[in-house]
Amino acid sequence: MTKLYYSHSTCSTASHIIMEHSGLPYEGIEVSWKRNLNVSALDQLNPLGAVPVLVTDQGVVITQNTAILEWIADQAPQKNLLAKPGTTERAQTMSWVALIASDLQKAFVNHFRSDVLTTNTDSQKELEVHATKSVKDLLQHIENSLENRHYIVGDHFTIADAYLFVISGWAEWIDIDLSEYKKLSHYRSQIAEIPSVKKILAMDQE
C-alpha cells in the first residue's frame, strides 16, 4: 500500500488532502519532531528530513510536494485533479503549483526563519518586513486572478487548489488579515467545505 509521511500544519497537508481526495488506498504516517514520532523513519527515506514523503506500492520514494501532488493526480485520473499530459490546462495548473511552491511558500519561510538567516536582530526585522511585503504582493496577485473564478484553474478542484488553500492559510501566522482579500477569502471558504479538506483539517486540529 502507498504510504504518505506527513506532519500537521506543514505544507505536507496539501499532499495529504489530495491523497485523501483521490480515493486511492494509502497509509498516512504522521511525523512529529516534538514527540519524536517516526522521525528516524523519515530520515531514512529523505536525508533532508522533510515532509511530505510518499512511498509507492513498489517501494519507490518520492519527495517534494509538487512531485507528489502530480503523481497522486495521475494515479486517479477519474478525479480530474490534473489534466492530461501535453494539455494547456495541465501546464496552467502546474504553473500555479510552481508559483505556490517557489514564490508564496518561500516568502513565508523567509519570514519564519529570519533568525536562521541572520543573528542580527535589526536584519531579522528587515527580512520579516520584506517577506511580509512579498507575501502580500503574491496574495494580491492571487486575489486578482480569482476574478470570476471558483477555482484557481478551470472549473473544478485541482491539486493547485489544495496547495494554495494550505499555504495561503499561513497568512494568519504572520498577522496578515485575509479578510482584506475578499475573493481569496470566499475561495478559501468554499475549498474548506470539500469533504477531503474538512477531514484532513480536522486531523490537523486534533
Protein backbone atom coordinates (compact mmCIF):
# COMPACT_ATOMS: atom_id res chain seq x y z
CA MET A 1 0.00 0.00 0.00
CA THR A 2 1.12 3.56 -0.72
CA LYS A 3 2.48 5.37 2.33
CA LEU A 4 2.40 9.11 2.87
CA TYR A 5 4.57 10.68 5.56
CA TYR A 6 3.12 13.98 6.69
CA SER A 7 3.24 16.41 9.60
CA HIS A 8 0.43 18.60 10.91
CA SER A 9 0.40 22.30 9.99
CA THR A 10 3.05 21.97 7.28
CA CYS A 11 2.99 22.11 3.50
CA SER A 12 2.53 18.32 3.52
CA THR A 13 -1.13 18.95 4.36
CA ALA A 14 -1.66 19.68 0.65
CA SER A 15 -0.43 16.23 -0.36
CA HIS A 16 -2.45 14.68 2.46
CA ILE A 17 -5.62 16.37 1.20
CA ILE A 18 -5.03 15.22 -2.37
CA MET A 19 -4.17 11.68 -1.24
CA GLU A 20 -7.46 11.55 0.66
CA HIS A 21 -9.40 13.15 -2.20
CA SER A 22 -8.00 10.70 -4.74
CA GLY A 23 -9.77 7.75 -3.14
CA LEU A 24 -6.61 5.67 -3.52
CA PRO A 25 -5.78 3.25 -0.70
CA TYR A 26 -2.94 4.59 1.43
CA GLU A 27 -1.46 4.64 4.88
CA GLY A 28 -0.92 8.06 6.40
CA ILE A 29 2.10 8.16 8.70
CA GLU A 30 2.36 11.17 10.96
CA VAL A 31 5.78 12.63 11.69
CA SER A 32 6.28 14.76 14.79
CA TRP A 33 9.64 16.17 15.81
CA LYS A 34 8.30 17.34 19.17
CA ARG A 35 7.13 13.83 20.04
CA ASN A 36 9.93 12.07 18.16
CA LEU A 37 7.29 10.23 16.17
CA ASN A 38 8.52 8.45 13.00
CA VAL A 39 11.40 10.92 12.65
CA SER A 40 14.07 8.26 12.15
CA ALA A 41 11.91 6.50 9.55
CA LEU A 42 11.51 9.79 7.69
CA ASP A 43 15.23 10.49 7.79
CA GLN A 44 15.95 7.11 6.24
CA LEU A 45 13.63 7.89 3.35
CA ASN A 46 14.59 11.53 2.92
CA PRO A 47 18.07 12.55 4.17
CA LEU A 48 16.85 16.16 4.19
CA GLY A 49 14.36 15.21 6.89
CA ALA A 50 11.43 17.00 5.26
CA VAL A 51 7.81 16.05 4.64
CA PRO A 52 5.93 15.08 2.61
CA VAL A 53 7.43 11.79 1.53
CA LEU A 54 5.48 9.24 -0.48
CA VAL A 55 6.44 5.59 -0.85
CA THR A 56 4.71 3.76 -3.69
CA ASP A 57 3.48 0.17 -3.62
CA GLN A 58 6.73 -0.76 -5.39
CA GLY A 59 8.83 0.93 -2.72
CA VAL A 60 9.80 3.94 -4.82
CA VAL A 61 10.36 7.06 -2.71
CA ILE A 62 9.04 10.41 -3.95
CA THR A 63 9.78 13.69 -2.16
CA GLN A 64 8.64 17.31 -2.66
CA ASN A 65 5.02 18.44 -2.73
CA THR A 66 5.00 19.32 -6.42
CA ALA A 67 6.11 15.84 -7.49
CA ILE A 68 3.87 14.04 -5.01
CA LEU A 69 0.78 16.06 -5.94
CA GLU A 70 1.35 15.33 -9.64
CA TRP A 71 1.96 11.62 -9.03
CA ILE A 72 -1.21 11.18 -6.96
CA ALA A 73 -3.32 13.00 -9.53
CA ASP A 74 -2.02 10.78 -12.33
CA GLN A 75 -2.92 7.64 -10.36
CA ALA A 76 -6.55 8.76 -10.08
CA PRO A 77 -7.39 10.38 -13.45
CA GLN A 78 -11.12 9.94 -12.82
CA LYS A 79 -10.90 12.59 -10.10
CA ASN A 80 -9.79 15.28 -12.59
CA LEU A 81 -7.20 16.65 -10.18
CA LEU A 82 -4.81 17.37 -13.05
CA ALA A 83 -5.39 17.47 -16.79
CA LYS A 84 -3.73 15.04 -19.19
CA PRO A 85 -0.05 15.46 -20.12
CA GLY A 86 0.54 17.79 -23.03
CA THR A 87 -2.57 19.89 -22.43
CA THR A 88 -2.56 23.63 -21.82
CA GLU A 89 -4.75 23.17 -18.75
CA ARG A 90 -2.17 20.87 -17.17
CA ALA A 91 0.57 23.41 -17.84
CA GLN A 92 -1.56 26.16 -16.31
CA THR A 93 -2.23 24.06 -13.21
CA MET A 94 1.45 23.20 -12.79
CA SER A 95 2.30 26.87 -13.27
CA TRP A 96 0.22 27.69 -10.20
CA VAL A 97 1.70 24.78 -8.27
CA ALA A 98 5.17 26.08 -9.11
CA LEU A 99 4.30 29.63 -8.06
CA ILE A 100 2.93 28.44 -4.73
CA ALA A 101 5.99 26.28 -4.07
CA SER A 102 8.75 28.58 -5.27
CA ASP A 103 7.32 32.01 -4.52
CA LEU A 104 4.49 32.01 -1.96
CA GLN A 105 5.76 29.26 0.33
CA LYS A 106 9.32 30.58 0.11
CA ALA A 107 8.18 34.08 1.08
CA PHE A 108 6.52 32.70 4.21
CA VAL A 109 9.59 30.63 5.09
CA ASN A 110 11.83 33.69 4.81
CA HIS A 111 9.66 35.29 7.48
CA PHE A 112 9.51 32.21 9.72
CA ARG A 113 13.26 31.59 9.56
CA SER A 114 14.66 35.10 9.76
CA ASP A 115 16.59 34.08 12.88
CA VAL A 116 18.26 31.28 10.92
CA LEU A 117 19.22 33.56 8.04
CA THR A 118 20.89 36.13 10.30
CA THR A 119 21.67 36.60 14.00
CA ASN A 120 21.40 40.38 13.72
CA THR A 121 18.03 41.42 15.19
CA ASP A 122 17.73 44.52 13.01
CA SER A 123 18.41 42.43 9.91
CA GLN A 124 15.84 39.89 11.07
CA LYS A 125 13.21 42.62 11.26
CA GLU A 126 14.14 43.85 7.79
CA LEU A 127 13.85 40.33 6.41
CA GLU A 128 10.45 39.89 8.03
CA VAL A 129 9.21 43.19 6.62
CA HIS A 130 10.45 42.26 3.16
CA ALA A 131 8.95 38.78 3.40
CA THR A 132 5.59 40.16 4.54
CA LYS A 133 5.53 42.53 1.56
CA SER A 134 6.35 39.66 -0.79
CA VAL A 135 3.52 37.58 0.67
CA LYS A 136 1.05 40.46 0.36
CA ASP A 137 2.08 41.12 -3.25
CA LEU A 138 1.53 37.45 -4.10
CA LEU A 139 -1.80 37.34 -2.26
CA GLN A 140 -2.93 40.36 -4.26
CA HIS A 141 -1.91 38.60 -7.48
CA ILE A 142 -3.97 35.59 -6.40
CA GLU A 143 -6.86 37.87 -5.46
CA ASN A 144 -6.80 39.41 -8.93
CA SER A 145 -6.55 36.00 -10.58
CA LEU A 146 -9.68 34.78 -8.79
CA GLU A 147 -11.88 37.32 -10.57
CA ASN A 148 -14.96 35.44 -11.81
CA ARG A 149 -13.46 32.09 -10.75
CA HIS A 150 -14.49 29.46 -8.22
CA TYR A 151 -11.14 27.65 -8.56
CA ILE A 152 -7.67 28.89 -9.40
CA VAL A 153 -7.60 26.94 -12.70
CA GLY A 154 -10.56 25.76 -14.74
CA ASP A 155 -13.96 24.86 -13.32
CA HIS A 156 -13.15 22.19 -10.75
CA PHE A 157 -10.93 21.37 -7.77
CA THR A 158 -7.32 20.50 -8.66
CA ILE A 159 -4.00 19.92 -6.94
CA ALA A 160 -3.30 23.65 -7.26
CA ASP A 161 -6.35 24.45 -5.12
CA ALA A 162 -5.27 22.12 -2.32
CA TYR A 163 -1.78 23.60 -2.29
CA LEU A 164 -2.99 27.20 -2.48
CA PHE A 165 -5.54 26.64 0.27
CA VAL A 166 -2.90 25.27 2.65
CA ILE A 167 -0.15 27.80 2.03
CA SER A 168 -2.39 30.89 1.89
CA GLY A 169 -3.70 29.89 5.32
CA TRP A 170 -0.25 30.59 6.76
CA ALA A 171 -1.02 34.31 6.43
CA GLU A 172 -2.53 34.35 9.93
CA TRP A 173 0.82 33.22 11.34
CA ILE A 174 2.44 36.47 10.25
CA ASP A 175 -0.55 38.66 11.15
CA ILE A 176 -1.87 39.21 7.64
CA ASP A 177 -5.64 39.63 7.67
CA LEU A 178 -7.00 37.54 4.83
CA SER A 179 -10.38 39.26 5.10
CA GLU A 180 -8.75 42.12 3.19
CA TYR A 181 -8.68 39.78 0.19
CA LYS A 182 -12.39 39.28 -0.45
CA LYS A 183 -12.17 36.88 -3.39
CA LEU A 184 -9.45 34.80 -1.78
CA SER A 185 -11.41 34.59 1.47
CA HIS A 186 -14.54 33.44 -0.38
CA TYR A 187 -12.47 30.95 -2.36
CA ARG A 188 -10.93 29.55 0.83
CA SER A 189 -14.34 29.17 2.48
CA GLN A 190 -15.53 27.10 -0.49
CA ILE A 191 -12.44 24.89 -0.56
CA ALA A 192 -12.75 24.34 3.20
CA GLU A 193 -16.14 22.67 2.65
CA ILE A 194 -14.78 19.95 0.37
CA PRO A 195 -15.07 16.66 2.33
CA SER A 196 -11.45 15.61 1.90
CA VAL A 197 -10.27 19.05 3.00
CA LYS A 198 -12.55 19.03 6.05
CA LYS A 199 -11.34 15.58 7.07
CA ILE A 200 -7.62 16.40 6.89
CA LEU A 201 -8.07 19.79 8.57
CA ALA A 202 -9.94 18.08 11.42
CA MET A 203 -6.98 15.70 11.83
CA ASP A 204 -4.59 18.66 11.91
CA GLN A 205 -6.56 20.16 14.78
CA GLU A 206 -6.68 17.04 16.93
